[in-house]
Amino acid sequence: MEIVQHLEELESQLHLLVNSLHALEQENQQLKQALAETVGKLKKKHEMSRNWQEKYDALKSAQGINMGDAAARKRALHHIDALINEVDACIAQLEIGD
């Protein structure tokens, strides 16, 4: 009789463990989904930040050209030259790819 009781107790504990496992698996899946959503939002924020930084840099360059300060004008023209060189390099890569 004792063996039967022990087996029933073990079976009960096993059912509890299986139920706990299923609950943990569901929670893990929800956490993975939340993480993926958060990573996506973070990537969008980084992209927006980069876009705003580019706009800010362009504004600084434009202000440097319009201002009478020779050093600011020189920095702005250097920045424009760097952008032109970057565009030229991209065009060259596109031509190589054809």
PDB file of N, CA and C in Angstrom:
ATOM      1  N   MET A   1       0.811  -1.193   0.000  1.00  0.00           N
ATOM      2  CA  MET A   1       0.000   0.000   0.000  1.00  0.00           C
ATOM      3  C   MET A   1       0.853   1.255   0.000  1.00  0.00           C
ATOM      4  N   GLU A   2       1.978   1.223   0.723  1.00  0.00           N
ATOM      5  CA  GLU A   2       2.868   2.372   0.784  1.00  0.00           C
ATOM      6  C   GLU A   2       3.438   2.695  -0.587  1.00  0.00           C
ATOM      7  N   ILE A   3       3.749   1.709  -1.347  1.00  0.00           N
ATOM      8  CA  ILE A   3       4.331   1.920  -2.674  1.00  0.00           C
ATOM      9  C   ILE A   3       3.333   2.630  -3.572  1.00  0.00           C
ATOM     10  N   VAL A   4       2.096   2.244  -3.497  1.00  0.00           N
ATOM     11  CA  VAL A   4       1.058   2.873  -4.310  1.00  0.00           C
ATOM     12  C   VAL A   4       0.923   4.349  -3.925  1.00  0.00           C
ATOM     13  N   GLN A   5       0.963   4.640  -2.636  1.00  0.00           N
ATOM     14  CA  GLN A   5       0.872   6.032  -2.187  1.00  0.00           C
ATOM     15  C   GLN A   5       2.073   6.847  -2.675  1.00  0.00           C
ATOM     16  N   HIS A   6       3.240   6.270  -2.619  1.00  0.00           N
ATOM     17  CA  HIS A   6       4.449   6.960  -3.090  1.00  0.00           C
ATOM     18  C   HIS A   6       4.364   7.219  -4.597  1.00  0.00           C
ATOM     19  N   LEU A   7       3.872   6.219  -5.318  1.00  0.00           N
ATOM     20  CA  LEU A   7       3.724   6.390  -6.761  1.00  0.00           C
ATOM     21  C   LEU A   7       2.708   7.479  -7.073  1.00  0.00           C
ATOM     22  N   GLU A   8       1.608   7.500  -6.353  1.00  0.00           N
ATOM     23  CA  GLU A   8       0.595   8.541  -6.567  1.00  0.00           C
ATOM     24  C   GLU A   8       1.153   9.921  -6.223  1.00  0.00           C
ATOM     25  N   GLU A   9       1.932   9.998  -5.164  1.00  0.00           N
ATOM     26  CA  GLU A   9       2.548  11.271  -4.780  1.00  0.00           C
ATOM     27  C   GLU A   9       3.545  11.724  -5.844  1.00  0.00           C
ATOM     28  N   LEU A  10       4.352  10.784  -6.347  1.00  0.00           N
ATOM     29  CA  LEU A  10       5.300  11.117  -7.418  1.00  0.00           C
ATOM     30  C   LEU A  10       4.577  11.552  -8.686  1.00  0.00           C
ATOM     31  N   GLU A  11       3.474  10.873  -8.987  1.00  0.00           N
ATOM     32  CA  GLU A  11       2.690  11.247 -10.164  1.00  0.00           C
ATOM     33  C   GLU A  11       2.127  12.652 -10.005  1.00  0.00           C
ATOM     34  N   SER A  12       1.646  12.962  -8.834  1.00  0.00           N
ATOM     35  CA  SER A  12       1.112  14.299  -8.559  1.00  0.00           C
ATOM     36  C   SER A  12       2.202  15.358  -8.706  1.00  0.00           C
ATOM     37  N   GLN A  13       3.365  15.087  -8.166  1.00  0.00           N
ATOM     38  CA  GLN A  13       4.481  16.026  -8.272  1.00  0.00           C
ATOM     39  C   GLN A  13       4.920  16.198  -9.726  1.00  0.00           C
ATOM     40  N   LEU A  14       4.881  15.096 -10.469  1.00  0.00           N
ATOM     41  CA  LEU A  14       5.247  15.153 -11.879  1.00  0.00           C
ATOM     42  C   LEU A  14       4.272  16.031 -12.652  1.00  0.00           C
ATOM     43  N   HIS A  15       2.988  15.914 -12.361  1.00  0.00           N
ATOM     44  CA  HIS A  15       1.987  16.755 -13.021  1.00  0.00           C
ATOM     45  C   HIS A  15       2.223  18.229 -12.687  1.00  0.00           C
ATOM     46  N   LEU A  16       2.553  18.500 -11.446  1.00  0.00           N
ATOM     47  CA  LEU A  16       2.842  19.883 -11.051  1.00  0.00           C
ATOM     48  C   LEU A  16       4.059  20.425 -11.799  1.00  0.00           C
ATOM     49  N   LEU A  17       5.088  19.602 -11.923  1.00  0.00           N
ATOM     50  CA  LEU A  17       6.286  20.018 -12.646  1.00  0.00           C
ATOM     51  C   LEU A  17       6.003  20.262 -14.120  1.00  0.00           C
ATOM     52  N   VAL A  18       5.211  19.386 -14.718  1.00  0.00           N
ATOM     53  CA  VAL A  18       4.860  19.553 -16.133  1.00  0.00           C
ATOM     54  C   VAL A  18       4.063  20.838 -16.327  1.00  0.00           C
ATOM     55  N   ASN A  19       3.116  21.100 -15.431  1.00  0.00           N
ATOM     56  CA  ASN A  19       2.328  22.334 -15.529  1.00  0.00           C
ATOM     57  C   ASN A  19       3.219  23.569 -15.349  1.00  0.00           C
ATOM     58  N   SER A  20       4.155  23.482 -14.418  1.00  0.00           N
ATOM     59  CA  SER A  20       5.091  24.588 -14.212  1.00  0.00           C
ATOM     60  C   SER A  20       5.953  24.802 -15.454  1.00  0.00           C
ATOM     61  N   LEU A  21       6.392  23.708 -16.054  1.00  0.00           N
ATOM     62  CA  LEU A  21       7.197  23.793 -17.271  1.00  0.00           C
ATOM     63  C   LEU A  21       6.430  24.485 -18.383  1.00  0.00           C
ATOM     64  N   HIS A  22       5.170  24.125 -18.581  1.00  0.00           N
ATOM     65  CA  HIS A  22       4.346  24.744 -19.621  1.00  0.00           C
ATOM     66  C   HIS A  22       4.166  26.238 -19.339  1.00  0.00           C
ATOM     67  N   ALA A  23       3.935  26.590 -18.099  1.00  0.00           N
ATOM     68  CA  ALA A  23       3.770  27.999 -17.746  1.00  0.00           C
ATOM     69  C   ALA A  23       5.058  28.777 -18.013  1.00  0.00           C
ATOM     70  N   LEU A  24       6.196  28.184 -17.675  1.00  0.00           N
ATOM     71  CA  LEU A  24       7.472  28.845 -17.915  1.00  0.00           C
ATOM     72  C   LEU A  24       7.774  28.978 -19.409  1.00  0.00           C
ATOM     73  N   GLU A  25       7.400  27.981 -20.176  1.00  0.00           N
ATOM     74  CA  GLU A  25       7.605  28.051 -21.624  1.00  0.00           C
ATOM     75  C   GLU A  25       6.772  29.176 -22.228  1.00  0.00           C
ATOM     76  N   GLN A  26       5.532  29.320 -21.775  1.00  0.00           N
ATOM     77  CA  GLN A  26       4.680  30.408 -22.263  1.00  0.00           C
ATOM     78  C   GLN A  26       5.256  31.770 -21.873  1.00  0.00           C
ATOM     79  N   GLU A  27       5.698  31.884 -20.642  1.00  0.00           N
ATOM     80  CA  GLU A  27       6.285  33.142 -20.185  1.00  0.00           C
ATOM     81  C   GLU A  27       7.548  33.465 -20.976  1.00  0.00           C
ATOM     82  N   ASN A  28       8.355  32.449 -21.235  1.00  0.00           N
ATOM     83  CA  ASN A  28       9.574  32.637 -22.026  1.00  0.00           C
ATOM     84  C   ASN A  28       9.237  33.145 -23.422  1.00  0.00           C
ATOM     85  N   GLN A  29       8.220  32.588 -24.036  1.00  0.00           N
ATOM     86  CA  GLN A  29       7.800  33.010 -25.371  1.00  0.00           C
ATOM     87  C   GLN A  29       7.332  34.464 -25.349  1.00  0.00           C
ATOM     88  N   GLN A  30       6.573  34.833 -24.322  1.00  0.00           N
ATOM     89  CA  GLN A  30       6.103  36.217 -24.202  1.00  0.00           C
ATOM     90  C   GLN A  30       7.287  37.173 -24.013  1.00  0.00           C
ATOM     91  N   LEU A  31       8.260  36.763 -23.222  1.00  0.00           N
ATOM     92  CA  LEU A  31       9.440  37.598 -23.007  1.00  0.00           C
ATOM     93  C   LEU A  31      10.252  37.750 -24.293  1.00  0.00           C
ATOM     94  N   LYS A  32      10.364  36.686 -25.068  1.00  0.00           N
ATOM     95  CA  LYS A  32      11.075  36.771 -26.344  1.00  0.00           C
ATOM     96  C   LYS A  32      10.375  37.738 -27.289  1.00  0.00           C
ATOM     97  N   GLN A  33       9.049  37.682 -27.310  1.00  0.00           N
ATOM     98  CA  GLN A  33       8.283  38.581 -28.168  1.00  0.00           C
ATOM     99  C   GLN A  33       8.458  40.031 -27.701  1.00  0.00           C
ATOM    100  N   ALA A  34       8.404  40.265 -26.404  1.00  0.00           N
ATOM    101  CA  ALA A  34       8.588  41.617 -25.867  1.00  0.00           C
ATOM    102  C   ALA A  34       9.998  42.123 -26.185  1.00  0.00           C
ATOM    103  N   LEU A  35      10.979  41.256 -26.088  1.00  0.00           N
ATOM    104  CA  LEU A  35      12.350  41.637 -26.404  1.00  0.00           C
ATOM    105  C   LEU A  35      12.485  42.020 -27.876  1.00  0.00           C
ATOM    106  N   ALA A  36      11.885  41.237 -28.747  1.00  0.00           N
ATOM    107  CA  ALA A  36      11.951  41.527 -30.184  1.00  0.00           C
ATOM    108  C   ALA A  36      11.296  42.875 -30.484  1.00  0.00           C
ATOM    109  N   GLU A  37      10.171  43.159 -29.848  1.00  0.00           N
ATOM    110  CA  GLU A  37       9.499  44.444 -30.049  1.00  0.00           C
ATOM    111  C   GLU A  37      10.362  45.593 -29.538  1.00  0.00           C
ATOM    112  N   THR A  38      10.991  45.404 -28.402  1.00  0.00           N
ATOM    113  CA  THR A  38      11.844  46.440 -27.829  1.00  0.00           C
ATOM    114  C   THR A  38      13.062  46.688 -28.702  1.00  0.00           C
ATOM    115  N   VAL A  39      13.650  45.631 -29.228  1.00  0.00           N
ATOM    116  CA  VAL A  39      14.799  45.774 -30.116  1.00  0.00           C
ATOM    117  C   VAL A  39      14.391  46.532 -31.379  1.00  0.00           C
ATOM    118  N   GLY A  40      13.218  46.227 -31.911  1.00  0.00           N
ATOM    119  CA  GLY A  40      12.715  46.939 -33.085  1.00  0.00           C
ATOM    120  C   GLY A  40      12.521  48.426 -32.804  1.00  0.00           C
ATOM    121  N   LYS A  41      11.944  48.738 -31.652  1.00  0.00           N
ATOM    122  CA  LYS A  41      11.756  50.142 -31.280  1.00  0.00           C
ATOM    123  C   LYS A  41      13.094  50.843 -31.120  1.00  0.00           C
ATOM    124  N   LEU A  42      14.057  50.154 -30.521  1.00  0.00           N
ATOM    125  CA  LEU A  42      15.377  50.738 -30.321  1.00  0.00           C
ATOM    126  C   LEU A  42      16.054  51.022 -31.662  1.00  0.00           C
ATOM    127  N   LYS A  43      15.925  50.110 -32.611  1.00  0.00           N
ATOM    128  CA  LYS A  43      16.513  50.331 -33.937  1.00  0.00           C
ATOM    129  C   LYS A  43      15.888  51.550 -34.602  1.00  0.00           C
ATOM    130  N   LYS A  44      14.565  51.699 -34.465  1.00  0.00           N
ATOM    131  CA  LYS A  44      13.895  52.876 -35.035  1.00  0.00           C
ATOM    132  C   LYS A  44      14.400  54.153 -34.379  1.00  0.00           C
ATOM    133  N   LYS A  45      14.577  54.122 -33.065  1.00  0.00           N
ATOM    134  CA  LYS A  45      15.080  55.296 -32.343  1.00  0.00           C
ATOM    135  C   LYS A  45      16.489  55.649 -32.810  1.00  0.00           C
ATOM    136  N   HIS A  46      17.343  54.629 -32.997  1.00  0.00           N
ATOM    137  CA  HIS A  46      18.702  54.881 -33.469  1.00  0.00           C
ATOM    138  C   HIS A  46      18.682  55.486 -34.873  1.00  0.00           C
ATOM    139  N   GLU A  47      17.815  54.984 -35.720  1.00  0.00           N
ATOM    140  CA  GLU A  47      17.700  55.500 -37.085  1.00  0.00           C
ATOM    141  C   GLU A  47      17.232  56.956 -37.059  1.00  0.00           C
ATOM    142  N   MET A  48      16.239  57.241 -36.230  1.00  0.00           N
ATOM    143  CA  MET A  48      15.755  58.617 -36.117  1.00  0.00           C
ATOM    144  C   MET A  48      16.862  59.525 -35.588  1.00  0.00           C
ATOM    145  N   SER A  49      17.595  59.054 -34.609  1.00  0.00           N
ATOM    146  CA  SER A  49      18.683  59.835 -34.038  1.00  0.00           C
ATOM    147  C   SER A  49      19.750  60.128 -35.100  1.00  0.00           C
ATOM    148  N   ARG A  50      20.074  59.130 -35.878  1.00  0.00           N
ATOM    149  CA  ARG A  50      21.070  59.313 -36.943  1.00  0.00           C
ATOM    150  C   ARG A  50      20.581  60.320 -37.974  1.00  0.00           C
ATOM    151  N   ASN A  51      19.294  60.229 -38.335  1.00  0.00           N
ATOM    152  CA  ASN A  51      18.734  61.173 -39.300  1.00  0.00           C
ATOM    153  C   ASN A  51      18.772  62.599 -38.768  1.00  0.00           C
ATOM    154  N   TRP A  52      18.424  62.773 -37.497  1.00  0.00           N
ATOM    155  CA  TRP A  52      18.468  64.110 -36.905  1.00  0.00           C
ATOM    156  C   TRP A  52      19.896  64.628 -36.827  1.00  0.00           C
ATOM    157  N   GLN A  53      20.844  63.744 -36.535  1.00  0.00           N
ATOM    158  CA  GLN A  53      22.249  64.161 -36.487  1.00  0.00           C
ATOM    159  C   GLN A  53      22.705  64.632 -37.861  1.00  0.00           C
ATOM    160  N   GLU A  54      22.311  63.922 -38.910  1.00  0.00           N
ATOM    161  CA  GLU A  54      22.669  64.323 -40.269  1.00  0.00           C
ATOM    162  C   GLU A  54      22.068  65.682 -40.610  1.00  0.00           C
ATOM    163  N   LYS A  55      20.802  65.885 -40.219  1.00  0.00           N
ATOM    164  CA  LYS A  55      20.159  67.180 -40.475  1.00  0.00           C
ATOM    165  C   LYS A  55      20.859  68.290 -39.706  1.00  0.00           C
ATOM    166  N   TYR A  56      21.235  68.005 -38.482  1.00  0.00           N
ATOM    167  CA  TYR A  56      21.935  68.996 -37.671  1.00  0.00           C
ATOM    168  C   TYR A  56      23.284  69.356 -38.292  1.00  0.00           C
ATOM    169  N   ASP A  57      24.015  68.332 -38.739  1.00  0.00           N
ATOM    170  CA  ASP A  57      25.312  68.578 -39.374  1.00  0.00           C
ATOM    171  C   ASP A  57      25.149  69.401 -40.654  1.00  0.00           C
ATOM    172  N   ALA A  58      24.112  69.100 -41.432  1.00  0.00           N
ATOM    173  CA  ALA A  58      23.858  69.867 -42.650  1.00  0.00           C
ATOM    174  C   ALA A  58      23.521  71.322 -42.312  1.00  0.00           C
ATOM    175  N   LEU A  59      22.745  71.526 -41.261  1.00  0.00           N
ATOM    176  CA  LEU A  59      22.397  72.882 -40.840  1.00  0.00           C
ATOM    177  C   LEU A  59      23.641  73.647 -40.398  1.00  0.00           C
ATOM    178  N   LYS A  60      24.505  72.973 -39.636  1.00  0.00           N
ATOM    179  CA  LYS A  60      25.749  73.625 -39.204  1.00  0.00           C
ATOM    180  C   LYS A  60      26.599  74.010 -40.413  1.00  0.00           C
ATOM    181  N   SER A  61      26.641  73.131 -41.412  1.00  0.00           N
ATOM    182  CA  SER A  61      27.414  73.432 -42.617  1.00  0.00           C
ATOM    183  C   SER A  61      26.825  74.632 -43.342  1.00  0.00           C
ATOM    184  N   ALA A  62      25.509  74.649 -43.467  1.00  0.00           N
ATOM    185  CA  ALA A  62      24.849  75.767 -44.145  1.00  0.00           C
ATOM    186  C   ALA A  62      25.082  77.071 -43.398  1.00  0.00           C
ATOM    187  N   GLN A  63      25.019  77.027 -42.091  1.00  0.00           N
ATOM    188  CA  GLN A  63      25.260  78.232 -41.306  1.00  0.00           C
ATOM    189  C   GLN A  63      26.711  78.673 -41.432  1.00  0.00           C
ATOM    190  N   GLY A  64      27.619  77.715 -41.523  1.00  0.00           N
ATOM    191  CA  GLY A  64      29.037  78.045 -41.676  1.00  0.00           C
ATOM    192  C   GLY A  64      29.314  78.749 -42.981  1.00  0.00           C
ATOM    193  N   ILE A  65      28.619  78.349 -44.041  1.00  0.00           N
ATOM    194  CA  ILE A  65      28.809  78.991 -45.341  1.00  0.00           C
ATOM    195  C   ILE A  65      28.246  80.408 -45.311  1.00  0.00           C
ATOM    196  N   ASN A  66      27.105  80.604 -44.669  1.00  0.00           N
ATOM    197  CA  ASN A  66      26.448  81.906 -44.643  1.00  0.00           C
ATOM    198  C   ASN A  66      27.110  82.892 -43.688  1.00  0.00           C
ATOM    199  N   MET A  67      27.825  82.388 -42.717  1.00  0.00           N
ATOM    200  CA  MET A  67      28.461  83.274 -41.751  1.00  0.00           C
ATOM    201  C   MET A  67      29.762  83.827 -42.331  1.00  0.00           C
ATOM    202  N   GLY A  68      30.187  84.949 -41.800  1.00  0.00           N
ATOM    203  CA  GLY A  68      31.401  85.582 -42.292  1.00  0.00           C
ATOM    204  C   GLY A  68      32.672  84.943 -41.752  1.00  0.00           C
ATOM    205  N   ASP A  69      32.549  84.023 -40.808  1.00  0.00           N
ATOM    206  CA  ASP A  69      33.716  83.401 -40.180  1.00  0.00           C
ATOM    207  C   ASP A  69      34.425  82.495 -41.189  1.00  0.00           C
ATOM    208  N   ALA A  70      35.664  82.803 -41.469  1.00  0.00           N
ATOM    209  CA  ALA A  70      36.418  82.049 -42.471  1.00  0.00           C
ATOM    210  C   ALA A  70      36.646  80.607 -42.036  1.00  0.00           C
ATOM    211  N   ALA A  71      36.899  80.398 -40.736  1.00  0.00           N
ATOM    212  CA  ALA A  71      37.137  79.034 -40.252  1.00  0.00           C
ATOM    213  C   ALA A  71      35.869  78.195 -40.382  1.00  0.00           C
ATOM    214  N   ALA A  72      34.717  78.764 -40.056  1.00  0.00           N
ATOM    215  CA  ALA A  72      33.451  78.037 -40.180  1.00  0.00           C
ATOM    216  C   ALA A  72      33.153  77.738 -41.639  1.00  0.00           C
ATOM    217  N   ARG A  73      33.435  78.691 -42.507  1.00  0.00           N
ATOM    218  CA  ARG A  73      33.217  78.489 -43.945  1.00  0.00           C
ATOM    219  C   ARG A  73      34.120  77.362 -44.457  1.00  0.00           C
ATOM    220  N   LYS A  74      35.371  77.355 -43.996  1.00  0.00           N
ATOM    221  CA  LYS A  74      36.312  76.320 -44.424  1.00  0.00           C
ATOM    222  C   LYS A  74      35.852  74.936 -43.957  1.00  0.00           C
ATOM    223  N   ARG A  75      35.373  74.838 -42.698  1.00  0.00           N
ATOM    224  CA  ARG A  75      34.855  73.552 -42.188  1.00  0.00           C
ATOM    225  C   ARG A  75      33.648  73.101 -42.994  1.00  0.00           C
ATOM    226  N   ALA A  76      32.762  74.052 -43.312  1.00  0.00           N
ATOM    227  CA  ALA A  76      31.560  73.706 -44.072  1.00  0.00           C
ATOM    228  C   ALA A  76      31.920  73.205 -45.457  1.00  0.00           C
ATOM    229  N   LEU A  77      32.844  73.881 -46.110  1.00  0.00           N
ATOM    230  CA  LEU A  77      33.243  73.450 -47.452  1.00  0.00           C
ATOM    231  C   LEU A  77      33.960  72.104 -47.406  1.00  0.00           C
ATOM    232  N   HIS A  78      34.746  71.893 -46.364  1.00  0.00           N
ATOM    233  CA  HIS A  78      35.411  70.592 -46.199  1.00  0.00           C
ATOM    234  C   HIS A  78      34.361  69.488 -46.015  1.00  0.00           C
ATOM    235  N   HIS A  79      33.330  69.767 -45.237  1.00  0.00           N
ATOM    236  CA  HIS A  79      32.254  68.789 -45.008  1.00  0.00           C
ATOM    237  C   HIS A  79      31.535  68.483 -46.325  1.00  0.00           C
ATOM    238  N   ILE A  80      31.269  69.522 -47.111  1.00  0.00           N
ATOM    239  CA  ILE A  80      30.602  69.324 -48.402  1.00  0.00           C
ATOM    240  C   ILE A  80      31.495  68.499 -49.326  1.00  0.00           C
ATOM    241  N   ASP A  81      32.785  68.797 -49.342  1.00  0.00           N
ATOM    242  CA  ASP A  81      33.710  68.011 -50.165  1.00  0.00           C
ATOM    243  C   ASP A  81      33.711  66.542 -49.749  1.00  0.00           C
ATOM    244  N   ALA A  82      33.684  66.310 -48.439  1.00  0.00           N
ATOM    245  CA  ALA A  82      33.663  64.929 -47.942  1.00  0.00           C
ATOM    246  C   ALA A  82      32.392  64.218 -48.393  1.00  0.00           C
ATOM    247  N   LEU A  83      31.263  64.914 -48.342  1.00  0.00           N
ATOM    248  CA  LEU A  83      30.003  64.310 -48.796  1.00  0.00           C
ATOM    249  C   LEU A  83      30.052  64.011 -50.289  1.00  0.00           C
ATOM    250  N   ILE A  84      30.606  64.935 -51.064  1.00  0.00           N
ATOM    251  CA  ILE A  84      30.714  64.707 -52.510  1.00  0.00           C
ATOM    252  C   ILE A  84      31.595  63.496 -52.783  1.00  0.00           C
ATOM    253  N   ASN A  85      32.704  63.383 -52.071  1.00  0.00           N
ATOM    254  CA  ASN A  85      33.583  62.221 -52.251  1.00  0.00           C
ATOM    255  C   ASN A  85      32.869  60.922 -51.895  1.00  0.00           C
ATOM    256  N   GLU A  86      32.052  60.961 -50.840  1.00  0.00           N
ATOM    257  CA  GLU A  86      31.294  59.769 -50.446  1.00  0.00           C
ATOM    258  C   GLU A  86      30.289  59.379 -51.527  1.00  0.00           C
ATOM    259  N   VAL A  87      29.605  60.356 -52.091  1.00  0.00           N
ATOM    260  CA  VAL A  87      28.651  60.089 -53.171  1.00  0.00           C
ATOM    261  C   VAL A  87      29.387  59.534 -54.390  1.00  0.00           C
ATOM    262  N   ASP A  88      30.530  60.130 -54.724  1.00  0.00           N
ATOM    263  CA  ASP A  88      31.308  59.628 -55.869  1.00  0.00           C
ATOM    264  C   ASP A  88      31.736  58.174 -55.655  1.00  0.00           C
ATOM    265  N   ALA A  89      32.140  57.850 -54.432  1.00  0.00           N
ATOM    266  CA  ALA A  89      32.547  56.470 -54.144  1.00  0.00           C
ATOM    267  C   ALA A  89      31.363  55.512 -54.303  1.00  0.00           C
ATOM    268  N   CYS A  90      30.183  55.943 -53.858  1.00  0.00           N
ATOM    269  CA  CYS A  90      28.985  55.106 -54.021  1.00  0.00           C
ATOM    270  C   CYS A  90      28.655  54.888 -55.489  1.00  0.00           C
ATOM    271  N   ILE A  91      28.745  55.946 -56.268  1.00  0.00           N
ATOM    272  CA  ILE A  91      28.466  55.843 -57.719  1.00  0.00           C
ATOM    273  C   ILE A  91      29.461  54.892 -58.359  1.00  0.00           C
ATOM    274  N   ALA A  92      30.727  55.000 -57.977  1.00  0.00           N
ATOM    275  CA  ALA A  92      31.754  54.106 -58.536  1.00  0.00           C
ATOM    276  C   ALA A  92      31.452  52.647 -58.196  1.00  0.00           C
ATOM    277  N   GLN A  93      31.000  52.392 -56.981  1.00  0.00           N
ATOM    278  CA  GLN A  93      30.667  51.020 -56.597  1.00  0.00           C
ATOM    279  C   GLN A  93      29.469  50.514 -57.388  1.00  0.00           C
ATOM    280  N   LEU A  94      28.508  51.388 -57.646  1.00  0.00           N
ATOM    281  CA  LEU A  94      27.340  50.984 -58.432  1.00  0.00           C
ATOM    282  C   LEU A  94      27.758  50.651 -59.868  1.00  0.00           C
ATOM    283  N   GLU A  95      28.684  51.425 -60.401  1.00  0.00           N
ATOM    284  CA  GLU A  95      29.151  51.163 -61.770  1.00  0.00           C
ATOM    285  C   GLU A  95      29.918  49.853 -61.844  1.00  0.00           C
ATOM    286  N   ILE A  96      30.674  49.527 -60.795  1.00  0.00           N
ATOM    287  CA  ILE A  96      31.414  48.264 -60.767  1.00  0.00           C
ATOM    288  C   ILE A  96      30.452  47.099 -60.699  1.00  0.00           C
ATOM    289  N   GLY A  97      29.352  47.269 -59.966  1.00  0.00           N
ATOM    290  CA  GLY A  97      28.370  46.206 -59.794  1.00  0.00           C
ATOM    291  C   GLY A  97      27.589  45.881 -61.055  1.00  0.00           C
ATOM    292  N   ASP A  98      27.560  46.781 -62.017  1.00  0.00           N
ATOM    293  CA  ASP A  98      26.778  46.545 -63.249  1.00  0.00           C
ATOM    294  C   ASP A  98      27.410  45.573 -64.155  1.00  0.00           C
TER     295      ASP A  98
END
